[in-house]
Amino acid sequence: MTALRAEGITAGYGKVPIVSGISVEVADGALAAIVGPNGAGKSTLAKAVAGVIRPDAGRIFVGDQEISGLPCHLVVRRGLAYVPQNGNVFPTLTVTENLEMGAFTRRGSDGTESDLSWVLGLFPRLGERLRQEAGTLSGGEQQMLAMGRALMGRPRVIIMDEPSMGLAPVMVESVFELIVRMNELGITVFMVEQNATLALSIADRGYVIQNGRIVLADTADRLLGNAQMRTAYLGE
């Protein structure tokens, strides 16, 4: 069964599209990675699929539900959460308040407290900083908070936009371990990431984007062993 499907996505920020005619598919419970060089269109694609920007063309589905053109809060209600690469927390709100914001689109408060306890079990470091303003956290801690806030919406799919961006190497390792753990809990993950080797090492399937188009698509293992991939994108 497919959890996330995007068909023929064309999107950008003006008259000239950044990505053109892109189609991707992520199986239920899988972890898929979009990799490629800076400026290739990775984050634009993530924003278009998540509803942060409106695609100029194409259709997007979560399961059997079409979410094309829906505003972000309705996209979340359909089961898709988005973790941006920048501005991913509310800096003047506490850690607790940020997490509670993740449940804002849910109808009613049933299970919110138990979900909060569950998220803090996944991210124990956040439990030590509940009253701290999010803007005073380290970059890695803010990434954890953004991930935890996304989980509070009970998503079927989480889109991760450049999760390693700006993080110290030790925090990158911790964040990617948490992404794997979320996926092992049954949450489908669609991740765009500049660090191709790291992303494909944890993914089931990979897509390579260049100049706004998909140029390679295969299982992550095969992409890691692909000579073209290793020369052009892994720096070998």
Foldseek 3Di string as FASTA:
>chain_A
DWQKWKFQFWDDDDDDTQAGGAIDTFRFLFEEEEEEAPSLCLVVVLCCQQQVDATPDIWMDGVPRTCHNPHNLVSLVNFEAEQAPPPLFDQQAFLQVRLVVLQVSPDDCPCLVVLLVVLCVLVVVSVVGRRPGLNPDDLLVNLSSSVSSPCSSVHQEYEYEASCPPDDPVSVVVSVVSVLVVSVVRRYYYYYHHQLVSSLVSGQWYFYGGSNYTDDTDGSVVLVVDPVNCVPRVVD
